[in-house]
Amino acid sequence: MEQISKNILLHAFPASLTKEVLAVIQILPLHAAPERDFFLSTLLTVRLEGEMLTIPYRVYFEEPAATAINQLTVIQQKILHCIYLRHHNGFVRQRRLEQLGESHEYWTIPYTLQLLGEYVCPIIVILDKLITADNIESYCRFIKENPRYWQQTQSRVVSYWHEYYRHRQFPALKDYPGQQLADRISNADHGFL
C-alpha cells in the first residue's frame, strides 16, 4: 500500500517536480493510512502542458508534523498543500487552500480547480478570492487543455447546488458561489480565445 501510494503521488505532479515530490513523500505518514485501495479506483486524470497526471480523488493519511513541514522548501510546501487539497476532511482542504494562497504555479491548478466541483461552499468562497486577474488566464489555459474535465466540473457545480444549496441558501443557481466562479472562469476564457 505504501509503495503504491508513493508511485501514485509521483504521477500526480509533472515529472520536472520529481525530486521535490520525493522529498515531500518522505515526510508523509503513508504507513498509517487505512488499508483501502482508494488511489486505484478514484484517480483524476488531467493533461498539464501535454503531460498526463493522475491525481488521487481523496487521500486518507494524516498530516505530517509541523517540524517536518518547516524543513521543506517553499515549492515542496506547495506540493504538500496540493496533496492535502485532496484530503477526505474538508477542514484540512480549506486550511491547505488558505496556506497555498494565490498560486502562480501552473501545476497547482488541477488541485485548486477540483475544489470548485465539490460541495463545500466555504472552500469555494476562498477559491473565488484566490483566482484573480493575475492568474485566471492560467485557469483558462488549463480548461482548454481539459475541456471534458471542465464540463464535468461545471456539471458537478450544478449537481451540488441542486442537492445541498438550492432549497436552503441559494434558491437561484446564479447566486450560488460555485456557479458564479465557474461563470467568471468561462467568461474569462472567452476573453483569451
N, C-alpha and C. Protein backbone atom coordinates (compact mmCIF):
# COMPACT_ATOMS: atom_id res chain seq x y z
N MET A 1 0.83 -1.20 0.00
CA MET A 1 0.00 0.00 0.00
C MET A 1 0.87 1.26 0.00
N GLU A 2 1.88 1.28 0.86
CA GLU A 2 2.73 2.46 0.95
C GLU A 2 3.47 2.72 -0.37
N GLN A 3 3.98 1.66 -1.02
CA GLN A 3 4.68 1.82 -2.28
C GLN A 3 3.74 2.27 -3.39
N ILE A 4 2.53 1.72 -3.41
CA ILE A 4 1.53 2.15 -4.39
C ILE A 4 1.23 3.63 -4.20
N SER A 5 1.05 4.05 -2.96
CA SER A 5 0.76 5.46 -2.66
C SER A 5 1.88 6.36 -3.17
N LYS A 6 3.12 5.97 -2.93
CA LYS A 6 4.27 6.77 -3.38
C LYS A 6 4.28 6.89 -4.90
N ASN A 7 4.07 5.77 -5.59
CA ASN A 7 4.07 5.80 -7.06
C ASN A 7 2.96 6.68 -7.60
N ILE A 8 1.80 6.58 -7.00
CA ILE A 8 0.69 7.41 -7.47
C ILE A 8 0.98 8.88 -7.23
N LEU A 9 1.50 9.22 -6.09
CA LEU A 9 1.81 10.63 -5.81
C LEU A 9 2.88 11.15 -6.76
N LEU A 10 3.82 10.32 -7.16
CA LEU A 10 4.83 10.75 -8.12
C LEU A 10 4.21 11.10 -9.47
N HIS A 11 3.15 10.39 -9.86
CA HIS A 11 2.48 10.65 -11.14
C HIS A 11 1.39 11.72 -11.03
N ALA A 12 1.24 12.28 -9.85
CA ALA A 12 0.23 13.32 -9.65
C ALA A 12 0.79 14.72 -9.90
N PHE A 13 2.07 14.78 -10.20
CA PHE A 13 2.74 16.06 -10.45
C PHE A 13 3.60 15.93 -11.70
N PRO A 14 3.92 17.04 -12.34
CA PRO A 14 4.79 16.97 -13.52
C PRO A 14 6.13 16.32 -13.19
N ALA A 15 6.69 15.63 -14.16
CA ALA A 15 7.96 14.93 -13.98
C ALA A 15 9.08 15.89 -13.56
N SER A 16 8.98 17.14 -13.96
CA SER A 16 10.01 18.12 -13.59
C SER A 16 10.07 18.36 -12.07
N LEU A 17 9.03 17.94 -11.35
CA LEU A 17 8.99 18.13 -9.89
C LEU A 17 9.31 16.86 -9.12
N THR A 18 9.79 15.83 -9.80
CA THR A 18 10.00 14.53 -9.14
C THR A 18 10.86 14.65 -7.89
N LYS A 19 11.95 15.36 -7.96
CA LYS A 19 12.85 15.48 -6.80
C LYS A 19 12.11 16.10 -5.61
N GLU A 20 11.34 17.14 -5.88
CA GLU A 20 10.61 17.82 -4.80
C GLU A 20 9.49 16.93 -4.25
N VAL A 21 8.79 16.21 -5.13
CA VAL A 21 7.72 15.32 -4.69
C VAL A 21 8.29 14.21 -3.81
N LEU A 22 9.44 13.67 -4.19
CA LEU A 22 10.08 12.63 -3.38
C LEU A 22 10.42 13.15 -1.98
N ALA A 23 10.86 14.39 -1.89
CA ALA A 23 11.16 14.98 -0.58
C ALA A 23 9.90 15.10 0.27
N VAL A 24 8.79 15.46 -0.36
CA VAL A 24 7.52 15.57 0.37
C VAL A 24 7.05 14.19 0.81
N ILE A 25 7.13 13.22 -0.07
CA ILE A 25 6.69 11.85 0.25
C ILE A 25 7.41 11.33 1.49
N GLN A 26 8.66 11.72 1.65
CA GLN A 26 9.45 11.25 2.79
C GLN A 26 8.84 11.63 4.14
N ILE A 27 8.09 12.71 4.19
CA ILE A 27 7.53 13.14 5.49
C ILE A 27 6.06 12.75 5.65
N LEU A 28 5.45 12.17 4.61
CA LEU A 28 4.04 11.78 4.69
C LEU A 28 3.88 10.52 5.53
N PRO A 29 2.90 10.48 6.40
CA PRO A 29 2.66 9.26 7.20
C PRO A 29 1.84 8.23 6.43
N LEU A 30 2.37 7.78 5.30
CA LEU A 30 1.65 6.83 4.45
C LEU A 30 1.44 5.49 5.14
N HIS A 31 2.35 5.12 6.01
CA HIS A 31 2.24 3.83 6.71
C HIS A 31 1.01 3.78 7.62
N ALA A 32 0.49 4.95 8.00
CA ALA A 32 -0.65 5.00 8.91
C ALA A 32 -1.99 5.11 8.17
N ALA A 33 -1.96 5.10 6.85
CA ALA A 33 -3.21 5.22 6.09
C ALA A 33 -4.05 3.96 6.26
N PRO A 34 -5.38 4.10 6.23
CA PRO A 34 -6.24 2.91 6.33
C PRO A 34 -5.97 1.95 5.19
N GLU A 35 -6.22 0.70 5.43
CA GLU A 35 -5.98 -0.31 4.40
C GLU A 35 -7.14 -0.34 3.42
N ARG A 36 -7.12 0.58 2.52
CA ARG A 36 -8.08 0.59 1.43
C ARG A 36 -7.37 1.11 0.20
N ASP A 37 -7.75 0.60 -0.93
CA ASP A 37 -7.05 0.96 -2.15
C ASP A 37 -7.77 2.13 -2.80
N PHE A 38 -7.87 3.24 -2.05
CA PHE A 38 -8.61 4.40 -2.54
C PHE A 38 -7.95 5.04 -3.75
N PHE A 39 -6.66 4.89 -3.92
CA PHE A 39 -6.00 5.51 -5.06
C PHE A 39 -6.39 4.86 -6.39
N LEU A 40 -6.38 3.55 -6.42
CA LEU A 40 -6.53 2.87 -7.69
C LEU A 40 -7.91 3.04 -8.31
N SER A 41 -8.93 3.14 -7.49
CA SER A 41 -10.28 3.23 -8.04
C SER A 41 -10.73 4.66 -8.28
N THR A 42 -10.07 5.62 -7.66
CA THR A 42 -10.52 7.00 -7.78
C THR A 42 -9.35 7.94 -8.09
N LEU A 43 -9.01 8.00 -9.34
CA LEU A 43 -7.97 8.90 -9.79
C LEU A 43 -8.55 9.89 -10.79
N LEU A 44 -8.10 11.11 -10.71
CA LEU A 44 -8.47 12.13 -11.68
C LEU A 44 -7.35 12.19 -12.70
N THR A 45 -7.69 12.11 -13.95
CA THR A 45 -6.67 12.20 -15.00
C THR A 45 -6.84 13.52 -15.73
N VAL A 46 -5.77 14.29 -15.76
CA VAL A 46 -5.79 15.59 -16.44
C VAL A 46 -4.53 15.73 -17.27
N ARG A 47 -4.60 16.63 -18.22
CA ARG A 47 -3.45 16.95 -19.06
C ARG A 47 -2.90 18.30 -18.58
N LEU A 48 -1.60 18.34 -18.42
CA LEU A 48 -0.95 19.57 -17.99
C LEU A 48 0.26 19.81 -18.88
N GLU A 49 0.13 20.78 -19.76
CA GLU A 49 1.17 21.08 -20.75
C GLU A 49 1.58 19.83 -21.51
N GLY A 50 0.60 19.04 -21.90
CA GLY A 50 0.82 17.83 -22.68
C GLY A 50 1.15 16.60 -21.87
N GLU A 51 1.43 16.75 -20.59
CA GLU A 51 1.78 15.62 -19.71
C GLU A 51 0.51 15.16 -18.99
N MET A 52 0.33 13.85 -18.93
CA MET A 52 -0.84 13.30 -18.23
C MET A 52 -0.51 13.11 -16.75
N LEU A 53 -1.37 13.67 -15.90
CA LEU A 53 -1.22 13.49 -14.45
C LEU A 53 -2.39 12.67 -13.95
N THR A 54 -2.15 11.82 -12.97
CA THR A 54 -3.21 11.06 -12.31
C THR A 54 -3.18 11.45 -10.84
N ILE A 55 -4.23 12.12 -10.43
CA ILE A 55 -4.31 12.72 -9.10
C ILE A 55 -5.32 11.94 -8.26
N PRO A 56 -4.96 11.60 -7.03
CA PRO A 56 -5.94 10.90 -6.17
C PRO A 56 -7.15 11.80 -5.91
N TYR A 57 -8.32 11.21 -5.99
CA TYR A 57 -9.51 11.99 -5.67
C TYR A 57 -9.54 12.33 -4.18
N ARG A 58 -9.17 11.40 -3.34
CA ARG A 58 -9.09 11.62 -1.90
C ARG A 58 -7.86 10.92 -1.34
N VAL A 59 -7.28 11.52 -0.32
CA VAL A 59 -6.22 10.86 0.45
C VAL A 59 -6.72 10.75 1.89
N TYR A 60 -6.25 9.70 2.56
CA TYR A 60 -6.75 9.39 3.89
C TYR A 60 -5.66 9.34 4.95
N PHE A 61 -4.45 9.72 4.62
CA PHE A 61 -3.42 9.73 5.63
C PHE A 61 -3.42 11.08 6.35
N GLU A 62 -2.94 11.03 7.58
CA GLU A 62 -2.92 12.24 8.41
C GLU A 62 -1.85 13.21 7.92
N GLU A 63 -1.86 14.38 8.49
CA GLU A 63 -0.87 15.39 8.12
C GLU A 63 0.45 15.14 8.87
N PRO A 64 1.56 15.51 8.24
CA PRO A 64 2.85 15.34 8.93
C PRO A 64 3.01 16.38 10.04
N ALA A 65 3.99 16.15 10.87
CA ALA A 65 4.29 17.08 11.96
C ALA A 65 4.76 18.43 11.40
N ALA A 66 4.42 19.49 12.11
CA ALA A 66 4.81 20.84 11.69
C ALA A 66 6.33 20.97 11.58
N THR A 67 7.06 20.30 12.44
CA THR A 67 8.52 20.38 12.39
C THR A 67 9.05 19.82 11.07
N ALA A 68 8.42 18.76 10.57
CA ALA A 68 8.84 18.17 9.29
C ALA A 68 8.46 19.11 8.14
N ILE A 69 7.29 19.70 8.21
CA ILE A 69 6.84 20.62 7.15
C ILE A 69 7.77 21.82 7.07
N ASN A 70 8.19 22.32 8.20
CA ASN A 70 9.06 23.50 8.23
C ASN A 70 10.42 23.25 7.60
N GLN A 71 10.79 21.99 7.44
CA GLN A 71 12.07 21.64 6.81
C GLN A 71 11.98 21.64 5.28
N LEU A 72 10.76 21.71 4.76
CA LEU A 72 10.56 21.68 3.30
C LEU A 72 10.83 23.05 2.70
N THR A 73 11.22 23.05 1.43
CA THR A 73 11.37 24.31 0.69
C THR A 73 9.98 24.87 0.39
N VAL A 74 9.93 26.08 -0.11
CA VAL A 74 8.64 26.71 -0.45
C VAL A 74 7.90 25.88 -1.49
N ILE A 75 8.60 25.44 -2.52
CA ILE A 75 7.95 24.65 -3.58
C ILE A 75 7.47 23.32 -3.03
N GLN A 76 8.24 22.70 -2.16
CA GLN A 76 7.84 21.44 -1.56
C GLN A 76 6.62 21.63 -0.66
N GLN A 77 6.54 22.74 0.03
CA GLN A 77 5.36 23.03 0.85
C GLN A 77 4.12 23.21 -0.03
N LYS A 78 4.30 23.81 -1.20
CA LYS A 78 3.16 23.95 -2.12
C LYS A 78 2.70 22.58 -2.62
N ILE A 79 3.64 21.69 -2.88
CA ILE A 79 3.28 20.32 -3.28
C ILE A 79 2.49 19.66 -2.15
N LEU A 80 2.99 19.81 -0.93
CA LEU A 80 2.30 19.25 0.23
C LEU A 80 0.88 19.80 0.34
N HIS A 81 0.73 21.11 0.20
CA HIS A 81 -0.61 21.71 0.26
C HIS A 81 -1.52 21.11 -0.81
N CYS A 82 -1.00 20.94 -2.01
CA CYS A 82 -1.80 20.36 -3.09
C CYS A 82 -2.24 18.94 -2.75
N ILE A 83 -1.35 18.13 -2.22
CA ILE A 83 -1.72 16.77 -1.84
C ILE A 83 -2.87 16.80 -0.84
N TYR A 84 -2.78 17.70 0.13
CA TYR A 84 -3.81 17.76 1.17
C TYR A 84 -5.07 18.50 0.72
N LEU A 85 -5.04 19.11 -0.45
CA LEU A 85 -6.29 19.61 -1.05
C LEU A 85 -7.19 18.45 -1.46
N ARG A 86 -6.63 17.24 -1.49
CA ARG A 86 -7.39 16.03 -1.82
C ARG A 86 -7.77 15.25 -0.56
N HIS A 87 -7.52 15.79 0.60
CA HIS A 87 -7.78 15.09 1.86
C HIS A 87 -9.29 14.87 2.05
N HIS A 88 -9.62 13.81 2.76
CA HIS A 88 -11.03 13.47 2.98
C HIS A 88 -11.72 14.44 3.93
N ASN A 89 -10.97 15.19 4.72
CA ASN A 89 -11.55 16.13 5.68
C ASN A 89 -11.61 17.52 5.06
N GLY A 90 -12.81 18.06 4.95
CA GLY A 90 -12.99 19.38 4.35
C GLY A 90 -12.27 20.49 5.09
N PHE A 91 -12.13 20.38 6.40
CA PHE A 91 -11.41 21.40 7.16
C PHE A 91 -9.92 21.41 6.80
N VAL A 92 -9.38 20.23 6.56
CA VAL A 92 -7.98 20.13 6.11
C VAL A 92 -7.85 20.76 4.73
N ARG A 93 -8.77 20.43 3.82
CA ARG A 93 -8.71 21.01 2.47
C ARG A 93 -8.78 22.54 2.55
N GLN A 94 -9.69 23.05 3.37
CA GLN A 94 -9.84 24.50 3.49
C GLN A 94 -8.57 25.15 4.03
N ARG A 95 -8.00 24.60 5.08
CA ARG A 95 -6.79 25.15 5.67
C ARG A 95 -5.63 25.12 4.67
N ARG A 96 -5.49 24.02 3.95
CA ARG A 96 -4.40 23.90 2.97
C ARG A 96 -4.58 24.87 1.81
N LEU A 97 -5.82 25.11 1.41
CA LEU A 97 -6.06 26.09 0.34
C LEU A 97 -5.66 27.49 0.82
N GLU A 98 -6.01 27.80 2.04
CA GLU A 98 -5.62 29.10 2.60
C GLU A 98 -4.10 29.22 2.67
N GLN A 99 -3.42 28.14 3.06
CA GLN A 99 -1.96 28.17 3.16
C GLN A 99 -1.31 28.25 1.78
N LEU A 100 -1.91 27.60 0.80
CA LEU A 100 -1.37 27.68 -0.56
C LEU A 100 -1.49 29.09 -1.09
N GLY A 101 -2.62 29.73 -0.83
CA GLY A 101 -2.83 31.11 -1.25
C GLY A 101 -2.94 31.23 -2.76
N GLU A 102 -2.79 32.45 -3.23
CA GLU A 102 -2.87 32.72 -4.67
C GLU A 102 -1.59 32.21 -5.31
N SER A 103 -1.73 31.13 -6.04
CA SER A 103 -0.56 30.49 -6.63
C SER A 103 -0.45 30.83 -8.10
N HIS A 104 0.78 30.99 -8.54
CA HIS A 104 1.04 31.26 -9.95
C HIS A 104 1.71 30.08 -10.63
N GLU A 105 1.90 28.99 -9.89
CA GLU A 105 2.45 27.78 -10.48
C GLU A 105 1.34 27.05 -11.22
N TYR A 106 1.54 26.83 -12.49
CA TYR A 106 0.51 26.21 -13.33
C TYR A 106 0.13 24.83 -12.82
N TRP A 107 1.06 24.09 -12.27
CA TRP A 107 0.81 22.72 -11.83
C TRP A 107 -0.12 22.65 -10.62
N THR A 108 -0.39 23.76 -9.95
CA THR A 108 -1.32 23.74 -8.82
C THR A 108 -2.78 23.77 -9.27
N ILE A 109 -3.03 24.17 -10.50
CA ILE A 109 -4.40 24.37 -10.96
C ILE A 109 -5.27 23.12 -10.91
N PRO A 110 -4.80 21.94 -11.30
CA PRO A 110 -5.69 20.77 -11.18
C PRO A 110 -6.16 20.53 -9.74
N TYR A 111 -5.35 20.91 -8.79
CA TYR A 111 -5.70 20.71 -7.39
C TYR A 111 -6.70 21.75 -6.90
N THR A 112 -6.46 23.00 -7.26
CA THR A 112 -7.36 24.04 -6.79
C THR A 112 -8.69 24.00 -7.54
N LEU A 113 -8.63 23.82 -8.85
CA LEU A 113 -9.87 23.83 -9.63
C LEU A 113 -10.79 22.66 -9.26
N GLN A 114 -10.23 21.55 -8.85
CA GLN A 114 -11.04 20.41 -8.44
C GLN A 114 -11.98 20.79 -7.29
N LEU A 115 -11.56 21.72 -6.45
CA LEU A 115 -12.38 22.15 -5.31
C LEU A 115 -13.66 22.83 -5.76
N LEU A 116 -13.65 23.43 -6.93
CA LEU A 116 -14.86 24.08 -7.45
C LEU A 116 -15.97 23.07 -7.68
N GLY A 117 -15.62 21.87 -8.11
CA GLY A 117 -16.61 20.84 -8.39
C GLY A 117 -16.96 19.99 -7.19
N GLU A 118 -16.74 20.53 -5.99
CA GLU A 118 -17.08 19.81 -4.77
C GLU A 118 -18.16 20.60 -4.02
N TYR A 119 -18.58 20.08 -2.91
CA TYR A 119 -19.78 20.59 -2.25
C TYR A 119 -19.55 21.55 -1.09
N VAL A 120 -18.30 21.83 -0.71
CA VAL A 120 -18.05 22.65 0.47
C VAL A 120 -18.00 24.12 0.06
N CYS A 121 -19.08 24.82 0.29
CA CYS A 121 -19.21 26.21 -0.15
C CYS A 121 -18.15 27.15 0.45
N PRO A 122 -17.81 27.05 1.74
CA PRO A 122 -16.76 27.95 2.26
C PRO A 122 -15.43 27.81 1.51
N ILE A 123 -15.11 26.61 1.06
CA ILE A 123 -13.88 26.42 0.28
C ILE A 123 -14.00 27.11 -1.07
N ILE A 124 -15.16 27.02 -1.68
CA ILE A 124 -15.38 27.68 -2.98
C ILE A 124 -15.25 29.20 -2.84
N VAL A 125 -15.74 29.74 -1.74
CA VAL A 125 -15.65 31.19 -1.50
C VAL A 125 -14.17 31.60 -1.39
N ILE A 126 -13.36 30.81 -0.70
CA ILE A 126 -11.92 31.09 -0.61
C ILE A 126 -11.28 30.98 -1.99
N LEU A 127 -11.62 29.92 -2.72
CA LEU A 127 -11.07 29.72 -4.06
C LEU A 127 -11.39 30.91 -4.96
N ASP A 128 -12.60 31.43 -4.84
CA ASP A 128 -13.00 32.59 -5.65
C ASP A 128 -12.07 33.78 -5.41
N LYS A 129 -11.65 33.96 -4.17
CA LYS A 129 -10.75 35.07 -3.83
C LYS A 129 -9.33 34.82 -4.35
N LEU A 130 -8.97 33.55 -4.49
CA LEU A 130 -7.61 33.21 -4.91
C LEU A 130 -7.44 33.15 -6.43
N ILE A 131 -8.55 33.10 -7.15
CA ILE A 131 -8.47 33.17 -8.61
C ILE A 131 -8.68 34.63 -8.98
N THR A 132 -7.58 35.25 -9.36
CA THR A 132 -7.56 36.70 -9.57
C THR A 132 -7.24 37.03 -11.03
N ALA A 133 -7.24 38.31 -11.31
CA ALA A 133 -6.87 38.76 -12.66
C ALA A 133 -5.45 38.36 -13.01
N ASP A 134 -4.61 38.16 -12.00
CA ASP A 134 -3.22 37.79 -12.24
C ASP A 134 -3.04 36.33 -12.64
N ASN A 135 -3.99 35.45 -12.26
CA ASN A 135 -3.79 34.03 -12.55
C ASN A 135 -4.95 33.37 -13.31
N ILE A 136 -6.00 34.10 -13.59
CA ILE A 136 -7.17 33.48 -14.23
C ILE A 136 -6.84 32.98 -15.65
N GLU A 137 -5.91 33.65 -16.32
CA GLU A 137 -5.54 33.20 -17.67
C GLU A 137 -4.97 31.78 -17.63
N SER A 138 -4.25 31.42 -16.56
CA SER A 138 -3.73 30.06 -16.43
C SER A 138 -4.87 29.06 -16.24
N TYR A 139 -5.91 29.44 -15.52
CA TYR A 139 -7.07 28.57 -15.37
C TYR A 139 -7.75 28.35 -16.72
N CYS A 140 -7.84 29.42 -17.49
CA CYS A 140 -8.44 29.31 -18.83
C CYS A 140 -7.61 28.39 -19.71
N ARG A 141 -6.31 28.51 -19.63
CA ARG A 141 -5.42 27.63 -20.39
C ARG A 141 -5.63 26.18 -19.99
N PHE A 142 -5.76 25.93 -18.69
CA PHE A 142 -5.97 24.58 -18.20
C PHE A 142 -7.29 24.00 -18.70
N ILE A 143 -8.36 24.78 -18.68
CA ILE A 143 -9.65 24.23 -19.14
C ILE A 143 -9.65 24.00 -20.65
N LYS A 144 -8.84 24.75 -21.39
CA LYS A 144 -8.70 24.47 -22.82
C LYS A 144 -7.97 23.15 -23.04
N GLU A 145 -7.01 22.86 -22.16
CA GLU A 145 -6.30 21.58 -22.24
C GLU A 145 -7.19 20.42 -21.82
N ASN A 146 -8.20 20.70 -21.01
CA ASN A 146 -9.02 19.66 -20.40
C ASN A 146 -10.51 19.99 -20.53
N PRO A 147 -11.03 20.09 -21.76
CA PRO A 147 -12.42 20.50 -21.93
C PRO A 147 -13.43 19.53 -21.30
N ARG A 148 -13.16 18.26 -21.39
CA ARG A 148 -14.08 17.27 -20.79
C ARG A 148 -14.10 17.41 -19.26
N TYR A 149 -12.92 17.57 -18.68
CA TYR A 149 -12.81 17.78 -17.23
C TYR A 149 -13.60 19.03 -16.83
N TRP A 150 -13.47 20.10 -17.61
CA TRP A 150 -14.17 21.35 -17.30
C TRP A 150 -15.68 21.15 -17.39
N GLN A 151 -16.14 20.44 -18.39
CA GLN A 151 -17.58 20.15 -18.50
C GLN A 151 -18.07 19.36 -17.29
N GLN A 152 -17.30 18.37 -16.86
CA GLN A 152 -17.67 17.58 -15.68
C GLN A 152 -17.69 18.46 -14.42
N THR A 153 -16.73 19.35 -14.31
CA THR A 153 -16.67 20.25 -13.16
C THR A 153 -17.90 21.15 -13.14
N GLN A 154 -18.25 21.71 -14.28
CA GLN A 154 -19.44 22.56 -14.35
C GLN A 154 -20.70 21.77 -14.00
N SER A 155 -20.79 20.55 -14.45
CA SER A 155 -21.94 19.70 -14.12
C SER A 155 -22.00 19.42 -12.62
N ARG A 156 -20.85 19.19 -12.02
CA ARG A 156 -20.81 18.95 -10.57
C ARG A 156 -21.25 20.17 -9.79
N VAL A 157 -20.85 21.35 -10.25
CA VAL A 157 -21.27 22.59 -9.60
C VAL A 157 -22.80 22.63 -9.54
N VAL A 158 -23.44 22.37 -10.65
CA VAL A 158 -24.91 22.41 -10.69
C VAL A 158 -25.51 21.31 -9.82
N SER A 159 -24.93 20.11 -9.88
CA SER A 159 -25.46 19.00 -9.08
C SER A 159 -25.36 19.28 -7.59
N TYR A 160 -24.21 19.78 -7.13
CA TYR A 160 -24.06 20.06 -5.71
C TYR A 160 -24.94 21.22 -5.28
N TRP A 161 -25.08 22.23 -6.13
CA TRP A 161 -26.01 23.31 -5.81
C TRP A 161 -27.41 22.74 -5.63
N HIS A 162 -27.84 21.91 -6.56
CA HIS A 162 -29.19 21.33 -6.51
C HIS A 162 -29.38 20.47 -5.25
N GLU A 163 -28.39 19.68 -4.91
CA GLU A 163 -28.51 18.75 -3.79
C GLU A 163 -28.40 19.44 -2.43
N TYR A 164 -27.48 20.39 -2.29
CA TYR A 164 -27.17 20.93 -0.96
C TYR A 164 -27.61 22.37 -0.72
N TYR A 165 -27.75 23.17 -1.76
CA TYR A 165 -27.94 24.60 -1.54
C TYR A 165 -29.21 25.19 -2.13
N ARG A 166 -29.81 24.54 -3.08
CA ARG A 166 -30.97 25.09 -3.78
C ARG A 166 -32.14 25.37 -2.84
N HIS A 167 -32.38 24.47 -1.92
CA HIS A 167 -33.56 24.60 -1.06
C HIS A 167 -33.25 25.33 0.24
N ARG A 168 -32.01 25.77 0.42
CA ARG A 168 -31.66 26.47 1.65
C ARG A 168 -31.13 27.86 1.36
N GLN A 169 -29.88 27.93 1.02
CA GLN A 169 -29.15 29.18 0.94
C GLN A 169 -29.28 29.93 -0.38
N PHE A 170 -29.27 29.19 -1.49
CA PHE A 170 -29.21 29.82 -2.81
C PHE A 170 -30.30 29.25 -3.72
N PRO A 171 -31.52 29.77 -3.63
CA PRO A 171 -32.60 29.23 -4.47
C PRO A 171 -32.34 29.36 -5.97
N ALA A 172 -31.59 30.38 -6.36
CA ALA A 172 -31.28 30.57 -7.78
C ALA A 172 -29.83 30.15 -8.04
N LEU A 173 -29.62 29.34 -9.06
CA LEU A 173 -28.29 28.86 -9.40
C LEU A 173 -27.31 30.01 -9.60
N LYS A 174 -27.77 31.09 -10.20
CA LYS A 174 -26.89 32.23 -10.49
C LYS A 174 -26.33 32.88 -9.22
N ASP A 175 -26.96 32.63 -8.08
CA ASP A 175 -26.49 33.21 -6.81
C ASP A 175 -25.53 32.30 -6.05
N TYR A 176 -25.38 31.07 -6.50
CA TYR A 176 -24.51 30.10 -5.83
C TYR A 176 -23.05 30.44 -6.14
N PRO A 177 -22.19 30.61 -5.13
CA PRO A 177 -20.79 30.99 -5.38
C PRO A 177 -20.05 30.08 -6.35
N GLY A 178 -20.33 28.80 -6.32
CA GLY A 178 -19.68 27.89 -7.26
C GLY A 178 -20.03 28.21 -8.71
N GLN A 179 -21.30 28.50 -8.95
CA GLN A 179 -21.72 28.86 -10.30
C GLN A 179 -21.15 30.21 -10.71
N GLN A 180 -21.11 31.15 -9.78
CA GLN A 180 -20.54 32.46 -10.09
C GLN A 180 -19.06 32.34 -10.49
N LEU A 181 -18.32 31.50 -9.77
CA LEU A 181 -16.91 31.32 -10.10
C LEU A 181 -16.75 30.59 -11.43
N ALA A 182 -17.55 29.56 -11.65
CA ALA A 182 -17.49 28.84 -12.93
C ALA A 182 -17.80 29.79 -14.09
N ASP A 183 -18.79 30.65 -13.91
CA ASP A 183 -19.13 31.64 -14.94
C ASP A 183 -17.98 32.62 -15.16
N ARG A 184 -17.36 33.05 -14.07
CA ARG A 184 -16.25 34.00 -14.19
C ARG A 184 -15.10 33.38 -14.98
N ILE A 185 -14.79 32.12 -14.70
CA ILE A 185 -13.72 31.45 -15.44
C ILE A 185 -14.11 31.28 -16.91
N SER A 186 -15.34 30.83 -17.14
CA SER A 186 -15.80 30.64 -18.53
C SER A 186 -15.79 31.96 -19.29
N ASN A 187 -16.25 33.02 -18.67
CA ASN A 187 -16.28 34.33 -19.33
C ASN A 187 -14.87 34.84 -19.60
N ALA A 188 -13.97 34.60 -18.67
CA ALA A 188 -12.56 34.99 -18.88
C ALA A 188 -11.97 34.19 -20.02
N ASP A 189 -12.36 32.90 -20.10
CA ASP A 189 -11.85 32.03 -21.16
C ASP A 189 -12.22 32.60 -22.53
N HIS A 190 -13.41 33.14 -22.65
CA HIS A 190 -13.81 33.72 -23.94
C HIS A 190 -12.96 34.93 -24.28
N GLY A 191 -12.47 35.62 -23.26
CA GLY A 191 -11.60 36.78 -23.48
C GLY A 191 -10.20 36.39 -23.94
N PHE A 192 -9.81 35.12 -23.70
CA PHE A 192 -8.46 34.69 -24.07
C PHE A 192 -8.44 33.83 -25.32
N LEU A 193 -9.54 33.77 -26.05
CA LEU A 193 -9.59 32.95 -27.27
C LEU A 193 -8.75 33.58 -28.37
